[in-house]
Amino acid sequence: MPKLSNKVVLITGASTGIGEAIARLFAQEGARLALAARSADKLQTLAASLGPNAFPVPADMTDPAQVRRMVAATVEHFGRLDVLVNNAGVGMYAPVAEMPPEQFEKLVATNWLGPVYAIQSAVPHMRRQGGGQIINISSVAGKVAIPWMGAYCSSKFALNALSDSLRLELARDRIHVLSVCPGRIQTPFGRNAFRDPRFRPLPPTGISAERVARAVLRASLSGKREIVVPASNRLFAWFRFFFPRLTDAMLMSYLRGRVKSEPGA
């Protein structure tokens, strides 16, 4: 029997990258999927490729009303909601002291407030049905701050803290919370990020989105609290904790020629 047979899973940011990879893998394991993203056309194409148990729900995660409608539409369509995957997110390459406020607000609304809205909408349904699971897709950048990515890092630090608090608050409701912290992934993240023209995104190298999806599935089924993908990136966070000055120097040395494109920037 498929591992997720008849489980109803709502995935945000499902139209590309990690979200799409999770959707395809979870569909193979028998899940019934609600697929959310801003691009209705991409969602329709993905849903059609996954079969009749995939339901597209276009939504902008920065709009609380749209997020509430997204969750309500999922429950109305499938009758329940077992797993919420908060995956939608956006990056930014810019110095904190100079980043445009409106872009920072959009980033926070997508990466942190959006998951909060979704959680607040989903939890009452999960409580009524006797349990569920919330999977927050964070980042290794939510454990180690990176220069010229302060906006993105701060949103992921906040998401990790949210997951930790939520895990304690919802344990008695049998709602499990999983935090996923990938490292660099082969996705369009850099291409879609907000960016100061003096700075360039890191190239899309690293592990595949499919590898992250497989790790998410294993962790979801085994009830893990948090995973770092690949696991070797735990050493990065560990090293930063014990050797902060050395880590800072290494980060600046590595990123200055790869992200910072003007000597005076």
C-alpha atoms as a PDB file:
ATOM      1  CA  MET A   1       0.000   0.000   0.000  1.00  0.00           C
ATOM      2  CA  PRO A   2       1.325   3.513  -0.796  1.00  0.00           C
ATOM      3  CA  LYS A   3       2.792   5.244   2.250  1.00  0.00           C
ATOM      4  CA  LEU A   4       0.465   8.272   2.061  1.00  0.00           C
ATOM      5  CA  SER A   5      -2.659   6.523   0.832  1.00  0.00           C
ATOM      6  CA  ASN A   6      -5.646   8.909   1.043  1.00  0.00           C
ATOM      7  CA  LYS A   7      -3.760  11.519   3.094  1.00  0.00           C
ATOM      8  CA  VAL A   8      -4.785  15.050   2.132  1.00  0.00           C
ATOM      9  CA  VAL A   9      -1.705  17.241   1.697  1.00  0.00           C
ATOM     10  CA  LEU A  10      -1.731  20.985   0.996  1.00  0.00           C
ATOM     11  CA  ILE A  11       1.550  22.241  -0.523  1.00  0.00           C
ATOM     12  CA  THR A  12       2.284  25.944  -0.963  1.00  0.00           C
ATOM     13  CA  GLY A  13       4.790  27.093  -3.564  1.00  0.00           C
ATOM     14  CA  ALA A  14       3.926  23.911  -5.444  1.00  0.00           C
ATOM     15  CA  SER A  15       4.478  25.159  -8.981  1.00  0.00           C
ATOM     16  CA  THR A  16       8.267  24.762  -9.045  1.00  0.00           C
ATOM     17  CA  GLY A  17      11.378  23.651  -7.171  1.00  0.00           C
ATOM     18  CA  ILE A  18      11.047  21.814  -3.870  1.00  0.00           C
ATOM     19  CA  GLY A  19       7.261  22.228  -3.798  1.00  0.00           C
ATOM     20  CA  GLU A  20       6.814  20.579  -7.169  1.00  0.00           C
ATOM     21  CA  ALA A  21       9.212  17.764  -6.231  1.00  0.00           C
ATOM     22  CA  ILE A  22       7.296  17.097  -3.003  1.00  0.00           C
ATOM     23  CA  ALA A  23       4.015  17.121  -4.908  1.00  0.00           C
ATOM     24  CA  ARG A  24       5.225  14.554  -7.447  1.00  0.00           C
ATOM     25  CA  LEU A  25       6.703  12.242  -4.812  1.00  0.00           C
ATOM     26  CA  PHE A  26       3.718  12.477  -2.468  1.00  0.00           C
ATOM     27  CA  ALA A  27       1.368  11.782  -5.395  1.00  0.00           C
ATOM     28  CA  GLN A  28       3.317   8.589  -6.131  1.00  0.00           C
ATOM     29  CA  GLU A  29       2.743   7.583  -2.510  1.00  0.00           C
ATOM     30  CA  GLY A  30      -1.024   7.939  -2.788  1.00  0.00           C
ATOM     31  CA  ALA A  31      -1.604  11.405  -1.329  1.00  0.00           C
ATOM     32  CA  ARG A  32      -4.507  13.586  -2.374  1.00  0.00           C
ATOM     33  CA  LEU A  33      -2.985  16.960  -3.131  1.00  0.00           C
ATOM     34  CA  ALA A  34      -4.064  20.579  -2.920  1.00  0.00           C
ATOM     35  CA  LEU A  35      -1.486  22.552  -4.895  1.00  0.00           C
ATOM     36  CA  ALA A  36      -1.073  26.247  -4.113  1.00  0.00           C
ATOM     37  CA  ALA A  37       0.969  28.985  -5.784  1.00  0.00           C
ATOM     38  CA  ARG A  38       0.364  32.329  -7.468  1.00  0.00           C
ATOM     39  CA  SER A  39       0.654  30.936 -11.008  1.00  0.00           C
ATOM     40  CA  ALA A  40      -2.692  29.368 -11.924  1.00  0.00           C
ATOM     41  CA  ASP A  41      -1.402  28.142 -15.307  1.00  0.00           C
ATOM     42  CA  LYS A  42       1.554  26.278 -13.808  1.00  0.00           C
ATOM     43  CA  LEU A  43      -0.678  24.742 -11.133  1.00  0.00           C
ATOM     44  CA  GLN A  44      -3.186  23.548 -13.724  1.00  0.00           C
ATOM     45  CA  THR A  45      -0.402  21.920 -15.749  1.00  0.00           C
ATOM     46  CA  LEU A  46       1.077  20.230 -12.674  1.00  0.00           C
ATOM     47  CA  ALA A  47      -2.312  19.040 -11.422  1.00  0.00           C
ATOM     48  CA  ALA A  48      -3.160  17.593 -14.826  1.00  0.00           C
ATOM     49  CA  SER A  49       0.114  15.654 -14.848  1.00  0.00           C
ATOM     50  CA  LEU A  50      -0.582  14.188 -11.391  1.00  0.00           C
ATOM     51  CA  GLY A  51      -4.094  12.911 -12.045  1.00  0.00           C
ATOM     52  CA  PRO A  52      -7.569  13.337 -10.541  1.00  0.00           C
ATOM     53  CA  ASN A  53      -6.370  13.481  -6.919  1.00  0.00           C
ATOM     54  CA  ALA A  54      -4.527  16.775  -7.509  1.00  0.00           C
ATOM     55  CA  PHE A  55      -6.502  19.960  -6.909  1.00  0.00           C
ATOM     56  CA  PRO A  56      -5.043  23.369  -7.923  1.00  0.00           C
ATOM     57  CA  VAL A  57      -5.721  26.248  -5.515  1.00  0.00           C
ATOM     58  CA  PRO A  58      -4.161  29.518  -6.762  1.00  0.00           C
ATOM     59  CA  ALA A  59      -3.251  31.755  -3.817  1.00  0.00           C
ATOM     60  CA  ASP A  60      -0.927  34.597  -2.888  1.00  0.00           C
ATOM     61  CA  MET A  61       0.602  33.739   0.500  1.00  0.00           C
ATOM     62  CA  THR A  62       1.007  37.419   1.372  1.00  0.00           C
ATOM     63  CA  ASP A  63      -2.774  37.897   1.420  1.00  0.00           C
ATOM     64  CA  PRO A  64      -4.418  36.509   4.610  1.00  0.00           C
ATOM     65  CA  ALA A  65      -7.833  36.286   2.952  1.00  0.00           C
ATOM     66  CA  GLN A  66      -6.469  34.240   0.054  1.00  0.00           C
ATOM     67  CA  VAL A  67      -4.640  31.920   2.469  1.00  0.00           C
ATOM     68  CA  ARG A  68      -7.832  31.340   4.459  1.00  0.00           C
ATOM     69  CA  ARG A  69      -9.723  30.590   1.236  1.00  0.00           C
ATOM     70  CA  MET A  70      -6.928  28.210   0.163  1.00  0.00           C
ATOM     71  CA  VAL A  71      -7.285  26.110   3.322  1.00  0.00           C
ATOM     72  CA  ALA A  72     -11.091  26.273   3.254  1.00  0.00           C
ATOM     73  CA  ALA A  73     -11.169  25.184  -0.404  1.00  0.00           C
ATOM     74  CA  THR A  74      -8.907  22.232   0.386  1.00  0.00           C
ATOM     75  CA  VAL A  75     -11.143  21.017   3.215  1.00  0.00           C
ATOM     76  CA  GLU A  76     -14.288  21.604   1.161  1.00  0.00           C
ATOM     77  CA  HIS A  77     -12.865  19.628  -1.778  1.00  0.00           C
ATOM     78  CA  PHE A  78     -11.354  16.684   0.112  1.00  0.00           C
ATOM     79  CA  GLY A  79     -13.267  16.738   3.406  1.00  0.00           C
ATOM     80  CA  ARG A  80     -10.168  17.057   5.608  1.00  0.00           C
ATOM     81  CA  LEU A  81      -6.552  18.252   5.797  1.00  0.00           C
ATOM     82  CA  ASP A  82      -3.851  15.914   7.094  1.00  0.00           C
ATOM     83  CA  VAL A  83      -0.597  17.641   6.142  1.00  0.00           C
ATOM     84  CA  LEU A  84       0.235  21.305   5.520  1.00  0.00           C
ATOM     85  CA  VAL A  85       3.544  21.920   3.724  1.00  0.00           C
ATOM     86  CA  ASN A  86       4.615  25.564   4.032  1.00  0.00           C
ATOM     87  CA  ASN A  87       7.072  25.795   1.168  1.00  0.00           C
ATOM     88  CA  ALA A  88       6.385  29.102  -0.622  1.00  0.00           C
ATOM     89  CA  GLY A  89       9.286  31.499  -0.283  1.00  0.00           C
ATOM     90  CA  VAL A  90      11.371  34.193  -1.926  1.00  0.00           C
ATOM     91  CA  GLY A  91      15.016  35.227  -1.546  1.00  0.00           C
ATOM     92  CA  MET A  92      16.866  38.534  -1.495  1.00  0.00           C
ATOM     93  CA  TYR A  93      20.442  39.537  -2.307  1.00  0.00           C
ATOM     94  CA  ALA A  94      21.055  42.988  -0.835  1.00  0.00           C
ATOM     95  CA  PRO A  95      22.829  44.629   2.128  1.00  0.00           C
ATOM     96  CA  VAL A  96      20.486  45.015   5.087  1.00  0.00           C
ATOM     97  CA  ALA A  97      21.267  48.726   5.498  1.00  0.00           C
ATOM     98  CA  GLU A  98      20.199  49.482   1.926  1.00  0.00           C
ATOM     99  CA  MET A  99      17.496  46.963   0.975  1.00  0.00           C
ATOM    100  CA  PRO A 100      14.210  48.492  -0.273  1.00  0.00           C
ATOM    101  CA  PRO A 101      11.658  48.349   2.570  1.00  0.00           C
ATOM    102  CA  GLU A 102       8.832  47.314   0.273  1.00  0.00           C
ATOM    103  CA  GLN A 103      10.828  44.308  -0.964  1.00  0.00           C
ATOM    104  CA  PHE A 104      11.740  43.313   2.595  1.00  0.00           C
ATOM    105  CA  GLU A 105       8.087  43.533   3.631  1.00  0.00           C
ATOM    106  CA  LYS A 106       7.096  41.342   0.677  1.00  0.00           C
ATOM    107  CA  LEU A 107       9.758  38.796   1.619  1.00  0.00           C
ATOM    108  CA  VAL A 108       8.629  38.636   5.254  1.00  0.00           C
ATOM    109  CA  ALA A 109       5.002  38.383   4.193  1.00  0.00           C
ATOM    110  CA  THR A 110       5.830  35.425   1.923  1.00  0.00           C
ATOM    111  CA  ASN A 111       8.396  33.560   4.019  1.00  0.00           C
ATOM    112  CA  TRP A 112       7.052  34.061   7.543  1.00  0.00           C
ATOM    113  CA  LEU A 113       3.612  35.656   7.704  1.00  0.00           C
ATOM    114  CA  GLY A 114       2.274  33.379   4.947  1.00  0.00           C
ATOM    115  CA  PRO A 115       3.072  30.226   6.931  1.00  0.00           C
ATOM    116  CA  VAL A 116       1.549  31.819  10.045  1.00  0.00           C
ATOM    117  CA  TYR A 117      -1.672  32.552   8.165  1.00  0.00           C
ATOM    118  CA  ALA A 118      -1.781  29.009   6.792  1.00  0.00           C
ATOM    119  CA  ILE A 119      -1.104  27.441  10.184  1.00  0.00           C
ATOM    120  CA  GLN A 120      -3.812  29.499  11.885  1.00  0.00           C
ATOM    121  CA  SER A 121      -6.282  28.434   9.197  1.00  0.00           C
ATOM    122  CA  ALA A 122      -5.280  24.751   9.180  1.00  0.00           C
ATOM    123  CA  VAL A 123      -4.942  23.978  12.894  1.00  0.00           C
ATOM    124  CA  PRO A 124      -8.671  24.188  13.762  1.00  0.00           C
ATOM    125  CA  HIS A 125      -9.443  21.565  11.083  1.00  0.00           C
ATOM    126  CA  MET A 126      -6.621  19.313  12.299  1.00  0.00           C
ATOM    127  CA  ARG A 127      -7.821  19.611  15.891  1.00  0.00           C
ATOM    128  CA  ARG A 128     -11.366  18.636  14.934  1.00  0.00           C
ATOM    129  CA  GLN A 129     -10.188  15.550  13.072  1.00  0.00           C
ATOM    130  CA  GLY A 130      -7.860  14.470  15.889  1.00  0.00           C
ATOM    131  CA  GLY A 131      -4.417  15.334  14.518  1.00  0.00           C
ATOM    132  CA  GLY A 132      -2.273  16.245  11.545  1.00  0.00           C
ATOM    133  CA  GLN A 133       1.144  17.438  10.518  1.00  0.00           C
ATOM    134  CA  ILE A 134       2.731  20.789   9.653  1.00  0.00           C
ATOM    135  CA  ILE A 135       5.925  20.770   7.586  1.00  0.00           C
ATOM    136  CA  ASN A 136       7.777  24.084   7.402  1.00  0.00           C
ATOM    137  CA  ILE A 137      10.402  24.296   4.661  1.00  0.00           C
ATOM    138  CA  SER A 138      13.094  26.526   6.146  1.00  0.00           C
ATOM    139  CA  SER A 139      16.806  26.626   5.279  1.00  0.00           C
ATOM    140  CA  VAL A 140      20.318  26.139   6.615  1.00  0.00           C
ATOM    141  CA  ALA A 141      20.351  29.937   6.226  1.00  0.00           C
ATOM    142  CA  GLY A 142      17.929  29.894   9.159  1.00  0.00           C
ATOM    143  CA  LYS A 143      20.747  28.514  11.302  1.00  0.00           C
ATOM    144  CA  VAL A 144      23.792  30.395   9.985  1.00  0.00           C
ATOM    145  CA  ALA A 145      23.405  33.999   8.813  1.00  0.00           C
ATOM    146  CA  ILE A 146      24.931  34.821   5.430  1.00  0.00           C
ATOM    147  CA  PRO A 147      26.183  38.277   4.373  1.00  0.00           C
ATOM    148  CA  TRP A 148      24.081  40.109   1.781  1.00  0.00           C
ATOM    149  CA  MET A 149      21.227  37.681   2.449  1.00  0.00           C
ATOM    150  CA  GLY A 150      20.207  39.092   5.833  1.00  0.00           C
ATOM    151  CA  ALA A 151      16.544  39.541   4.903  1.00  0.00           C
ATOM    152  CA  TYR A 152      16.158  35.943   3.757  1.00  0.00           C
ATOM    153  CA  CYS A 153      18.153  34.549   6.685  1.00  0.00           C
ATOM    154  CA  SER A 154      16.140  36.484   9.259  1.00  0.00           C
ATOM    155  CA  SER A 155      12.872  35.177   7.819  1.00  0.00           C
ATOM    156  CA  LYS A 156      14.141  31.592   8.036  1.00  0.00           C
ATOM    157  CA  PHE A 157      15.507  32.049  11.576  1.00  0.00           C
ATOM    158  CA  ALA A 158      12.004  33.274  12.467  1.00  0.00           C
ATOM    159  CA  LEU A 159      10.380  30.281  10.756  1.00  0.00           C
ATOM    160  CA  ASN A 160      12.603  27.875  12.700  1.00  0.00           C
ATOM    161  CA  ALA A 161      11.664  29.565  15.982  1.00  0.00           C
ATOM    162  CA  LEU A 162       8.007  29.408  14.992  1.00  0.00           C
ATOM    163  CA  SER A 163       8.313  25.673  14.350  1.00  0.00           C
ATOM    164  CA  ASP A 164       9.943  25.067  17.722  1.00  0.00           C
ATOM    165  CA  SER A 165       7.242  26.948  19.619  1.00  0.00           C
ATOM    166  CA  LEU A 166       4.449  25.418  17.588  1.00  0.00           C
ATOM    167  CA  ARG A 167       5.745  21.884  18.192  1.00  0.00           C
ATOM    168  CA  LEU A 168       5.343  22.350  21.943  1.00  0.00           C
ATOM    169  CA  GLU A 169       1.973  24.056  21.697  1.00  0.00           C
ATOM    170  CA  LEU A 170       0.367  21.448  19.432  1.00  0.00           C
ATOM    171  CA  ALA A 171       1.793  18.228  20.868  1.00  0.00           C
ATOM    172  CA  ARG A 172      -1.326  17.495  22.931  1.00  0.00           C
ATOM    173  CA  ASP A 173      -3.459  17.966  19.834  1.00  0.00           C
ATOM    174  CA  ARG A 174      -1.511  15.208  18.061  1.00  0.00           C
ATOM    175  CA  ILE A 175      -0.327  17.720  15.462  1.00  0.00           C
ATOM    176  CA  HIS A 176       3.291  16.997  14.565  1.00  0.00           C
ATOM    177  CA  VAL A 177       5.596  19.806  13.421  1.00  0.00           C
ATOM    178  CA  LEU A 178       8.577  19.126  11.161  1.00  0.00           C
ATOM    179  CA  SER A 179      11.186  21.745  10.252  1.00  0.00           C
ATOM    180  CA  VAL A 180      13.161  21.128   7.044  1.00  0.00           C
ATOM    181  CA  CYS A 181      16.455  22.980   6.526  1.00  0.00           C
ATOM    182  CA  PRO A 182      17.932  22.409   3.060  1.00  0.00           C
ATOM    183  CA  GLY A 183      21.297  23.724   1.966  1.00  0.00           C
ATOM    184  CA  ARG A 184      21.921  24.877  -1.603  1.00  0.00           C
ATOM    185  CA  ILE A 185      19.414  23.357  -4.022  1.00  0.00           C
ATOM    186  CA  GLN A 186      19.211  23.192  -7.798  1.00  0.00           C
ATOM    187  CA  THR A 187      16.130  25.400  -8.156  1.00  0.00           C
ATOM    188  CA  PRO A 188      15.276  28.825  -9.699  1.00  0.00           C
ATOM    189  CA  PHE A 189      15.679  30.414  -6.232  1.00  0.00           C
ATOM    190  CA  GLY A 190      18.360  32.892  -7.279  1.00  0.00           C
ATOM    191  CA  ARG A 191      16.635  33.840 -10.520  1.00  0.00           C
ATOM    192  CA  ASN A 192      13.389  34.630  -8.687  1.00  0.00           C
ATOM    193  CA  ALA A 193      14.947  36.485  -5.739  1.00  0.00           C
ATOM    194  CA  PHE A 194      14.811  40.212  -5.083  1.00  0.00           C
ATOM    195  CA  ARG A 195      18.254  41.566  -5.909  1.00  0.00           C
ATOM    196  CA  ASP A 196      20.296  44.719  -5.628  1.00  0.00           C
ATOM    197  CA  PRO A 197      21.940  45.080  -9.088  1.00  0.00           C
ATOM    198  CA  ARG A 198      25.367  45.308  -7.420  1.00  0.00           C
ATOM    199  CA  PHE A 199      24.958  41.751  -6.135  1.00  0.00           C
ATOM    200  CA  ARG A 200      24.483  38.494  -7.978  1.00  0.00           C
ATOM    201  CA  PRO A 201      22.806  35.305  -6.746  1.00  0.00           C
ATOM    202  CA  LEU A 202      24.781  32.187  -6.046  1.00  0.00           C
ATOM    203  CA  PRO A 203      24.634  29.706  -8.948  1.00  0.00           C
ATOM    204  CA  PRO A 204      21.960  26.983  -8.625  1.00  0.00           C
ATOM    205  CA  THR A 205      24.345  24.235  -7.602  1.00  0.00           C
ATOM    206  CA  GLY A 206      23.893  21.736  -4.807  1.00  0.00           C
ATOM    207  CA  ILE A 207      21.558  18.818  -4.314  1.00  0.00           C
ATOM    208  CA  SER A 208      18.397  18.237  -6.327  1.00  0.00           C
ATOM    209  CA  ALA A 209      14.906  19.225  -5.225  1.00  0.00           C
ATOM    210  CA  GLU A 210      13.976  15.542  -5.606  1.00  0.00           C
ATOM    211  CA  ARG A 211      16.536  14.598  -2.949  1.00  0.00           C
ATOM    212  CA  VAL A 212      14.983  17.122  -0.574  1.00  0.00           C
ATOM    213  CA  ALA A 213      11.529  15.708  -1.305  1.00  0.00           C
ATOM    214  CA  ARG A 214      12.679  12.173  -0.467  1.00  0.00           C
ATOM    215  CA  ALA A 215      14.150  13.400   2.816  1.00  0.00           C
ATOM    216  CA  VAL A 216      10.901  15.203   3.626  1.00  0.00           C
ATOM    217  CA  LEU A 217       8.879  12.059   2.992  1.00  0.00           C
ATOM    218  CA  ARG A 218      11.107   9.936   5.239  1.00  0.00           C
ATOM    219  CA  ALA A 219      11.062  12.516   8.025  1.00  0.00           C
ATOM    220  CA  SER A 220       7.303  12.985   7.751  1.00  0.00           C
ATOM    221  CA  LEU A 221       6.630   9.267   8.055  1.00  0.00           C
ATOM    222  CA  SER A 222       9.086   8.748  10.921  1.00  0.00           C
ATOM    223  CA  GLY A 223       7.900  11.727  12.969  1.00  0.00           C
ATOM    224  CA  LYS A 224      11.188  13.634  13.073  1.00  0.00           C
ATOM    225  CA  ARG A 225      11.314  17.119  14.574  1.00  0.00           C
ATOM    226  CA  GLU A 226      13.882  18.619  12.208  1.00  0.00           C
ATOM    227  CA  ILE A 227      16.076  17.577   9.327  1.00  0.00           C
ATOM    228  CA  VAL A 228      19.001  19.264   7.603  1.00  0.00           C
ATOM    229  CA  VAL A 229      19.449  18.283   3.949  1.00  0.00           C
ATOM    230  CA  PRO A 230      22.056  17.146   3.176  1.00  0.00           C
ATOM    231  CA  ALA A 231      22.943  16.025   6.690  1.00  0.00           C
ATOM    232  CA  SER A 232      26.542  17.217   6.205  1.00  0.00           C
ATOM    233  CA  ASN A 233      25.281  20.797   6.522  1.00  0.00           C
ATOM    234  CA  ARG A 234      24.737  20.165  10.227  1.00  0.00           C
ATOM    235  CA  LEU A 235      28.521  20.468  10.506  1.00  0.00           C
ATOM    236  CA  PHE A 236      28.250  24.003   9.099  1.00  0.00           C
ATOM    237  CA  ALA A 237      25.863  25.053  11.880  1.00  0.00           C
ATOM    238  CA  TRP A 238      27.947  23.215  14.480  1.00  0.00           C
ATOM    239  CA  PHE A 239      31.142  24.895  13.268  1.00  0.00           C
ATOM    240  CA  ARG A 240      29.497  28.341  13.381  1.00  0.00           C
ATOM    241  CA  PHE A 241      28.380  27.736  16.985  1.00  0.00           C
ATOM    242  CA  PHE A 242      31.856  26.837  18.253  1.00  0.00           C
ATOM    243  CA  PHE A 243      33.996  28.982  15.918  1.00  0.00           C
ATOM    244  CA  PRO A 244      31.936  32.078  15.040  1.00  0.00           C
ATOM    245  CA  ARG A 245      34.798  34.399  14.086  1.00  0.00           C
ATOM    246  CA  LEU A 246      36.457  31.830  11.870  1.00  0.00           C
ATOM    247  CA  THR A 247      33.130  30.980  10.213  1.00  0.00           C
ATOM    248  CA  ASP A 248      32.449  34.668   9.552  1.00  0.00           C
ATOM    249  CA  ALA A 249      35.855  35.094   7.935  1.00  0.00           C
ATOM    250  CA  MET A 250      35.358  32.012   5.779  1.00  0.00           C
ATOM    251  CA  LEU A 251      31.911  33.168   4.658  1.00  0.00           C
ATOM    252  CA  MET A 252      33.168  36.616   3.694  1.00  0.00           C
ATOM    253  CA  SER A 253      36.112  35.169   1.825  1.00  0.00           C
ATOM    254  CA  TYR A 254      33.931  32.704  -0.075  1.00  0.00           C
ATOM    255  CA  LEU A 255      31.037  35.028  -0.898  1.00  0.00           C
ATOM    256  CA  ARG A 256      32.832  38.303  -1.643  1.00  0.00           C
ATOM    257  CA  GLY A 257      33.807  37.160  -5.136  1.00  0.00           C
ATOM    258  CA  ARG A 258      30.622  35.218  -5.797  1.00  0.00           C
ATOM    259  CA  VAL A 259      27.834  37.518  -4.565  1.00  0.00           C
ATOM    260  CA  LYS A 260      29.404  40.955  -4.157  1.00  0.00           C
ATOM    261  CA  SER A 261      30.119  42.189  -7.662  1.00  0.00           C
ATOM    262  CA  GLU A 262      31.493  45.675  -6.967  1.00  0.00           C
ATOM    263  CA  PRO A 263      34.537  46.289  -4.748  1.00  0.00           C
ATOM    264  CA  GLY A 264      32.961  49.333  -3.106  1.00  0.00           C
ATOM    265  CA  ALA A 265      29.514  47.810  -2.577  1.00  0.00           C
END
